PDB file of N, CA and C in Angstrom:
ATOM      1  N   MET A   1     -12.356  -8.036 -32.408  1.00  0.00           N
ATOM      2  CA  MET A   1     -11.599  -7.356 -31.473  1.00  0.00           C
ATOM      3  C   MET A   1     -10.874  -6.294 -31.880  1.00  0.00           C
ATOM      4  N   LYS A   2     -10.632  -5.158 -30.800  1.00  0.00           N
ATOM      5  CA  LYS A   2      -9.860  -4.128 -31.123  1.00  0.00           C
ATOM      6  C   LYS A   2      -8.930  -3.949 -30.262  1.00  0.00           C
ATOM      7  N   LEU A   3      -7.431  -2.981 -30.494  1.00  0.00           N
ATOM      8  CA  LEU A   3      -6.928  -2.698 -29.330  1.00  0.00           C
ATOM      9  C   LEU A   3      -6.680  -1.271 -29.485  1.00  0.00           C
ATOM     10  N   LEU A   4      -6.833  -0.718 -28.153  1.00  0.00           N
ATOM     11  CA  LEU A   4      -6.774   0.700 -27.939  1.00  0.00           C
ATOM     12  C   LEU A   4      -5.444   1.095 -26.977  1.00  0.00           C
ATOM     13  N   ILE A   5      -4.910   1.986 -27.325  1.00  0.00           N
ATOM     14  CA  ILE A   5      -3.618   2.146 -26.695  1.00  0.00           C
ATOM     15  C   ILE A   5      -3.643   3.740 -26.355  1.00  0.00           C
ATOM     16  N   PHE A   6      -3.352   3.811 -24.941  1.00  0.00           N
ATOM     17  CA  PHE A   6      -3.508   5.416 -24.528  1.00  0.00           C
ATOM     18  C   PHE A   6      -2.211   5.720 -23.699  1.00  0.00           C
ATOM     19  N   GLN A   7      -1.997   7.025 -23.621  1.00  0.00           N
ATOM     20  CA  GLN A   7      -0.969   7.617 -22.721  1.00  0.00           C
ATOM     21  C   GLN A   7      -2.026   7.941 -21.332  1.00  0.00           C
ATOM     22  N   THR A   8      -1.359   7.774 -20.237  1.00  0.00           N
ATOM     23  CA  THR A   8      -2.093   8.101 -19.242  1.00  0.00           C
ATOM     24  C   THR A   8      -1.251   8.750 -17.837  1.00  0.00           C
ATOM     25  N   ASN A   9      -1.757   9.113 -16.890  1.00  0.00           N
ATOM     26  CA  ASN A   9      -0.972   9.690 -15.711  1.00  0.00           C
ATOM     27  C   ASN A   9      -1.424   8.529 -14.552  1.00  0.00           C
ATOM     28  N   ILE A  10      -1.391   7.118 -14.924  1.00  0.00           N
ATOM     29  CA  ILE A  10      -1.638   6.109 -14.122  1.00  0.00           C
ATOM     30  C   ILE A  10      -0.258   5.618 -13.681  1.00  0.00           C
ATOM     31  N   ASP A  11       0.507   6.058 -12.595  1.00  0.00           N
ATOM     32  CA  ASP A  11       1.935   5.830 -12.409  1.00  0.00           C
ATOM     33  C   ASP A  11       2.211   5.064 -11.120  1.00  0.00           C
ATOM     34  N   ASN A  12       1.143   4.452 -10.514  1.00  0.00           N
ATOM     35  CA  ASN A  12       1.547   3.392  -9.578  1.00  0.00           C
ATOM     36  C   ASN A  12       0.362   2.348  -9.275  1.00  0.00           C
ATOM     37  N   LYS A  13       0.741   1.412  -8.582  1.00  0.00           N
ATOM     38  CA  LYS A  13      -0.286   0.088  -8.187  1.00  0.00           C
ATOM     39  C   LYS A  13      -1.593   0.632  -7.647  1.00  0.00           C
ATOM     40  N   GLN A  14      -1.500   1.687  -6.920  1.00  0.00           N
ATOM     41  CA  GLN A  14      -2.851   2.146  -6.266  1.00  0.00           C
ATOM     42  C   GLN A  14      -3.563   2.718  -7.349  1.00  0.00           C
ATOM     43  N   ASN A  15      -3.337   3.342  -8.209  1.00  0.00           N
ATOM     44  CA  ASN A  15      -4.173   3.831  -9.311  1.00  0.00           C
ATOM     45  C   ASN A  15      -4.426   2.782 -10.396  1.00  0.00           C
ATOM     46  N   VAL A  16      -3.644   1.664 -10.438  1.00  0.00           N
ATOM     47  CA  VAL A  16      -4.170   0.464 -11.158  1.00  0.00           C
ATOM     48  C   VAL A  16      -5.172  -0.084 -10.256  1.00  0.00           C
ATOM     49  N   ASP A  17      -5.067  -0.452  -9.112  1.00  0.00           N
ATOM     50  CA  ASP A  17      -6.007  -1.072  -8.151  1.00  0.00           C
ATOM     51  C   ASP A  17      -7.421  -0.363  -8.022  1.00  0.00           C
ATOM     52  N   ALA A  18      -7.310   0.884  -8.244  1.00  0.00           N
ATOM     53  CA  ALA A  18      -8.664   1.723  -8.033  1.00  0.00           C
ATOM     54  C   ALA A  18      -9.442   1.643  -9.398  1.00  0.00           C
ATOM     55  N   LEU A  19      -8.781   1.375 -10.598  1.00  0.00           N
ATOM     56  CA  LEU A  19      -9.538   1.295 -11.733  1.00  0.00           C
ATOM     57  C   LEU A  19      -9.929  -0.036 -12.038  1.00  0.00           C
ATOM     58  N   GLN A  20      -9.513  -1.089 -11.387  1.00  0.00           N
ATOM     59  CA  GLN A  20      -9.904  -2.592 -11.484  1.00  0.00           C
ATOM     60  C   GLN A  20     -11.103  -2.918 -11.719  1.00  0.00           C
ATOM     61  N   PRO A  21     -12.254  -2.275 -10.655  1.00  0.00           N
ATOM     62  CA  PRO A  21     -13.444  -2.634 -10.787  1.00  0.00           C
ATOM     63  C   PRO A  21     -14.153  -1.876 -11.953  1.00  0.00           C
ATOM     64  N   ILE A  22     -13.781  -0.715 -12.286  1.00  0.00           N
ATOM     65  CA  ILE A  22     -14.195  -0.008 -13.540  1.00  0.00           C
ATOM     66  C   ILE A  22     -14.106  -0.737 -14.892  1.00  0.00           C
ATOM     67  N   PHE A  23     -12.583  -1.154 -14.880  1.00  0.00           N
ATOM     68  CA  PHE A  23     -12.464  -2.017 -16.283  1.00  0.00           C
ATOM     69  C   PHE A  23     -12.765  -3.242 -16.199  1.00  0.00           C
ATOM     70  N   ASN A  24     -12.722  -3.965 -15.109  1.00  0.00           N
ATOM     71  CA  ASN A  24     -12.707  -5.527 -15.068  1.00  0.00           C
ATOM     72  C   ASN A  24     -14.590  -5.742 -15.259  1.00  0.00           C
ATOM     73  N   ASN A  25     -15.336  -4.654 -14.956  1.00  0.00           N
ATOM     74  CA  ASN A  25     -16.860  -4.924 -15.106  1.00  0.00           C
ATOM     75  C   ASN A  25     -17.289  -4.039 -16.179  1.00  0.00           C
ATOM     76  N   HIS A  26     -16.533  -3.429 -16.923  1.00  0.00           N
ATOM     77  CA  HIS A  26     -16.874  -3.019 -18.164  1.00  0.00           C
ATOM     78  C   HIS A  26     -17.399  -4.132 -19.117  1.00  0.00           C
ATOM     79  N   HIS A  27     -18.578  -4.106 -19.879  1.00  0.00           N
ATOM     80  CA  HIS A  27     -18.999  -5.005 -20.665  1.00  0.00           C
ATOM     81  C   HIS A  27     -18.302  -5.028 -21.892  1.00  0.00           C
ATOM     82  N   HIS A  28     -17.592  -4.061 -22.542  1.00  0.00           N
ATOM     83  CA  HIS A  28     -17.016  -3.992 -23.557  1.00  0.00           C
ATOM     84  C   HIS A  28     -15.503  -4.227 -23.663  1.00  0.00           C
ATOM     85  N   ILE A  29     -14.996  -4.243 -22.412  1.00  0.00           N
ATOM     86  CA  ILE A  29     -13.337  -4.613 -22.317  1.00  0.00           C
ATOM     87  C   ILE A  29     -13.353  -5.968 -21.955  1.00  0.00           C
ATOM     88  N   LEU A  30     -12.395  -6.602 -22.768  1.00  0.00           N
ATOM     89  CA  LEU A  30     -12.008  -7.838 -22.497  1.00  0.00           C
ATOM     90  C   LEU A  30     -10.825  -8.264 -21.755  1.00  0.00           C
ATOM     91  N   ASN A  31      -9.707  -7.325 -22.102  1.00  0.00           N
ATOM     92  CA  ASN A  31      -8.598  -7.413 -21.300  1.00  0.00           C
ATOM     93  C   ASN A  31      -7.821  -5.984 -21.318  1.00  0.00           C
ATOM     94  N   TRP A  32      -7.172  -5.609 -19.922  1.00  0.00           N
ATOM     95  CA  TRP A  32      -6.560  -4.403 -20.105  1.00  0.00           C
ATOM     96  C   TRP A  32      -5.253  -4.520 -19.159  1.00  0.00           C
ATOM     97  N   HIS A  33      -4.238  -3.528 -19.295  1.00  0.00           N
ATOM     98  CA  HIS A  33      -3.085  -3.580 -18.717  1.00  0.00           C
ATOM     99  C   HIS A  33      -2.359  -1.982 -18.814  1.00  0.00           C
ATOM    100  N   VAL A  34      -1.986  -1.658 -17.553  1.00  0.00           N
ATOM    101  CA  VAL A  34      -1.178  -0.466 -17.300  1.00  0.00           C
ATOM    102  C   VAL A  34       0.285  -0.726 -17.151  1.00  0.00           C
ATOM    103  N   ASP A  35       1.083  -0.165 -18.122  1.00  0.00           N
ATOM    104  CA  ASP A  35       2.614  -0.360 -17.849  1.00  0.00           C
ATOM    105  C   ASP A  35       2.909   0.973 -17.128  1.00  0.00           C
ATOM    106  N   THR A  36       2.950   0.903 -15.638  1.00  0.00           N
ATOM    107  CA  THR A  36       3.620   2.045 -14.726  1.00  0.00           C
ATOM    108  C   THR A  36       5.136   2.194 -15.102  1.00  0.00           C
ATOM    109  N   GLU A  37       5.615   1.301 -15.840  1.00  0.00           N
ATOM    110  CA  GLU A  37       7.517   1.479 -15.761  1.00  0.00           C
ATOM    111  C   GLU A  37       7.736   2.253 -17.012  1.00  0.00           C
ATOM    112  N   ASP A  38       6.672   2.482 -18.088  1.00  0.00           N
ATOM    113  CA  ASP A  38       6.943   3.105 -19.375  1.00  0.00           C
ATOM    114  C   ASP A  38       6.738   4.782 -18.910  1.00  0.00           C
ATOM    115  N   ILE A  39       7.454   5.370 -19.532  1.00  0.00           N
ATOM    116  CA  ILE A  39       7.445   7.132 -19.466  1.00  0.00           C
ATOM    117  C   ILE A  39       6.086   7.495 -19.707  1.00  0.00           C
ATOM    118  N   ASP A  40       5.208   6.790 -20.779  1.00  0.00           N
ATOM    119  CA  ASP A  40       3.987   7.373 -20.832  1.00  0.00           C
ATOM    120  C   ASP A  40       2.897   6.520 -20.153  1.00  0.00           C
ATOM    121  N   ASN A  41       3.147   5.713 -19.141  1.00  0.00           N
ATOM    122  CA  ASN A  41       2.378   4.878 -18.365  1.00  0.00           C
ATOM    123  C   ASN A  41       1.081   4.426 -19.309  1.00  0.00           C
ATOM    124  N   VAL A  42       1.539   3.635 -20.311  1.00  0.00           N
ATOM    125  CA  VAL A  42       0.832   3.181 -21.250  1.00  0.00           C
ATOM    126  C   VAL A  42      -0.310   2.185 -20.730  1.00  0.00           C
ATOM    127  N   LEU A  43      -1.650   2.625 -21.247  1.00  0.00           N
ATOM    128  CA  LEU A  43      -3.001   1.631 -20.971  1.00  0.00           C
ATOM    129  C   LEU A  43      -3.291   1.036 -22.309  1.00  0.00           C
ATOM    130  N   ARG A  44      -3.219  -0.446 -22.166  1.00  0.00           N
ATOM    131  CA  ARG A  44      -3.495  -1.021 -23.361  1.00  0.00           C
ATOM    132  C   ARG A  44      -4.899  -1.985 -23.085  1.00  0.00           C
ATOM    133  N   ILE A  45      -5.925  -1.728 -23.978  1.00  0.00           N
ATOM    134  CA  ILE A  45      -7.103  -2.276 -23.773  1.00  0.00           C
ATOM    135  C   ILE A  45      -7.580  -3.074 -24.832  1.00  0.00           C
ATOM    136  N   GLU A  46      -7.902  -4.559 -24.911  1.00  0.00           N
ATOM    137  CA  GLU A  46      -8.538  -5.343 -25.725  1.00  0.00           C
ATOM    138  C   GLU A  46     -10.109  -5.094 -25.533  1.00  0.00           C
ATOM    139  N   ALA A  47     -10.703  -4.803 -26.639  1.00  0.00           N
ATOM    140  CA  ALA A  47     -12.233  -4.426 -26.516  1.00  0.00           C
ATOM    141  C   ALA A  47     -12.976  -4.988 -27.661  1.00  0.00           C
ATOM    142  N   HIS A  48     -14.127  -5.035 -27.592  1.00  0.00           N
ATOM    143  CA  HIS A  48     -15.322  -5.256 -28.663  1.00  0.00           C
ATOM    144  C   HIS A  48     -15.153  -4.158 -29.327  1.00  0.00           C
ATOM    145  N   GLU A  49     -15.450  -4.489 -30.787  1.00  0.00           N
ATOM    146  CA  GLU A  49     -15.356  -3.468 -31.726  1.00  0.00           C
ATOM    147  C   GLU A  49     -16.153  -2.134 -31.504  1.00  0.00           C
ATOM    148  N   ASN A  50     -17.090  -2.206 -30.650  1.00  0.00           N
ATOM    149  CA  ASN A  50     -18.234  -1.044 -30.539  1.00  0.00           C
ATOM    150  C   ASN A  50     -17.698  -0.217 -29.285  1.00  0.00           C
ATOM    151  N   LEU A  51     -16.699  -0.437 -28.800  1.00  0.00           N
ATOM    152  CA  LEU A  51     -15.856   0.521 -27.709  1.00  0.00           C
ATOM    153  C   LEU A  51     -14.907   1.327 -28.583  1.00  0.00           C
ATOM    154  N   HIS A  52     -15.137   2.748 -28.198  1.00  0.00           N
ATOM    155  CA  HIS A  52     -14.303   3.812 -29.226  1.00  0.00           C
ATOM    156  C   HIS A  52     -13.433   4.386 -27.999  1.00  0.00           C
ATOM    157  N   GLU A  53     -12.319   5.075 -28.634  1.00  0.00           N
ATOM    158  CA  GLU A  53     -11.320   5.773 -27.962  1.00  0.00           C
ATOM    159  C   GLU A  53     -11.946   6.774 -27.097  1.00  0.00           C
ATOM    160  N   ASN A  54     -12.938   7.421 -27.623  1.00  0.00           N
ATOM    161  CA  ASN A  54     -13.518   8.647 -26.648  1.00  0.00           C
ATOM    162  C   ASN A  54     -14.187   8.018 -25.525  1.00  0.00           C
ATOM    163  N   ASP A  55     -14.667   6.924 -25.436  1.00  0.00           N
ATOM    164  CA  ASP A  55     -15.426   6.294 -24.428  1.00  0.00           C
ATOM    165  C   ASP A  55     -14.417   5.954 -23.277  1.00  0.00           C
ATOM    166  N   ILE A  56     -13.139   5.534 -23.618  1.00  0.00           N
ATOM    167  CA  ILE A  56     -12.223   5.438 -22.575  1.00  0.00           C
ATOM    168  C   ILE A  56     -11.618   6.661 -21.860  1.00  0.00           C
ATOM    169  N   ILE A  57     -11.515   7.689 -22.958  1.00  0.00           N
ATOM    170  CA  ILE A  57     -11.004   8.837 -22.305  1.00  0.00           C
ATOM    171  C   ILE A  57     -11.991   9.464 -21.536  1.00  0.00           C
ATOM    172  N   ASP A  58     -13.003   9.489 -21.832  1.00  0.00           N
ATOM    173  CA  ASP A  58     -14.340  10.087 -21.064  1.00  0.00           C
ATOM    174  C   ASP A  58     -14.478   9.377 -19.702  1.00  0.00           C
ATOM    175  N   LEU A  59     -14.355   8.171 -19.485  1.00  0.00           N
ATOM    176  CA  LEU A  59     -14.487   7.346 -18.518  1.00  0.00           C
ATOM    177  C   LEU A  59     -13.245   7.580 -17.520  1.00  0.00           C
ATOM    178  N   MET A  60     -12.248   7.502 -17.955  1.00  0.00           N
ATOM    179  CA  MET A  60     -10.657   8.092 -17.304  1.00  0.00           C
ATOM    180  C   MET A  60     -10.875   9.488 -16.559  1.00  0.00           C
ATOM    181  N   THR A  61     -11.396  10.455 -17.593  1.00  0.00           N
ATOM    182  CA  THR A  61     -11.547  11.780 -17.021  1.00  0.00           C
ATOM    183  C   THR A  61     -12.586  11.845 -15.985  1.00  0.00           C
ATOM    184  N   ILE A  62     -13.788  11.200 -16.032  1.00  0.00           N
ATOM    185  CA  ILE A  62     -14.823  11.128 -14.961  1.00  0.00           C
ATOM    186  C   ILE A  62     -14.147  10.592 -13.624  1.00  0.00           C
ATOM    187  N   HIS A  63     -13.081   9.679 -13.665  1.00  0.00           N
ATOM    188  CA  HIS A  63     -12.509   9.059 -12.655  1.00  0.00           C
ATOM    189  C   HIS A  63     -11.188   9.839 -12.214  1.00  0.00           C
ATOM    190  N   GLY A  64     -11.044  11.008 -12.776  1.00  0.00           N
ATOM    191  CA  GLY A  64      -9.894  11.791 -12.226  1.00  0.00           C
ATOM    192  C   GLY A  64      -8.695  11.667 -12.834  1.00  0.00           C
ATOM    193  N   TYR A  65      -8.542  10.883 -14.103  1.00  0.00           N
ATOM    194  CA  TYR A  65      -7.234  10.484 -14.450  1.00  0.00           C
ATOM    195  C   TYR A  65      -7.203  11.236 -15.992  1.00  0.00           C
ATOM    196  N   TYR A  66      -5.824  11.425 -16.463  1.00  0.00           N
ATOM    197  CA  TYR A  66      -5.624  11.721 -17.972  1.00  0.00           C
ATOM    198  C   TYR A  66      -5.416  10.589 -18.697  1.00  0.00           C
ATOM    199  N   CYS A  67      -6.040  10.891 -19.828  1.00  0.00           N
ATOM    200  CA  CYS A  67      -5.856   9.605 -20.894  1.00  0.00           C
ATOM    201  C   CYS A  67      -5.889  10.186 -22.337  1.00  0.00           C
ATOM    202  N   GLY A  68      -4.787  10.128 -23.099  1.00  0.00           N
ATOM    203  CA  GLY A  68      -4.756  10.243 -24.528  1.00  0.00           C
ATOM    204  C   GLY A  68      -4.557   9.207 -25.343  1.00  0.00           C
ATOM    205  N   ASP A  69      -5.069   9.499 -26.421  1.00  0.00           N
ATOM    206  CA  ASP A  69      -4.817   8.425 -27.587  1.00  0.00           C
ATOM    207  C   ASP A  69      -3.539   8.526 -28.136  1.00  0.00           C
ATOM    208  N   LEU A  70      -2.795   7.125 -28.085  1.00  0.00           N
ATOM    209  CA  LEU A  70      -1.414   6.948 -28.630  1.00  0.00           C
ATOM    210  C   LEU A  70      -1.318   6.464 -30.087  1.00  0.00           C
ATOM    211  N   MET A  71      -2.500   5.974 -30.472  1.00  0.00           N
ATOM    212  CA  MET A  71      -2.666   5.420 -31.747  1.00  0.00           C
ATOM    213  C   MET A  71      -2.977   6.510 -32.939  1.00  0.00           C
ATOM    214  N   SER A  72      -3.162   7.502 -32.480  1.00  0.00           N
ATOM    215  CA  SER A  72      -3.572   8.612 -33.654  1.00  0.00           C
ATOM    216  C   SER A  72      -2.316   9.451 -34.239  1.00  0.00           C
TER     217      SER A  72
END
C-alpha cells in the first residue's frame, strides 16, 4: 500500500460528493479523504502500489479539478 497526498481545489461537500463514485469505484484506491478545512484542501489516498501520482492528477483534471502533488 502507498499513500498519495495532493493539494486540490475541492473546497466543499458538494465537490467531495461528486468525487465519491469516481474514487469509491476505482479498483486501485483503497481509501480516500479530502480535508476541506485545510488551506490546501488536502486529498489523501491510500492505494495499491501500481497507482501513480500522475494517474490521480489526470483523473482529477478530466473531471475539472485542480490537483497537485504535495509529496514531492
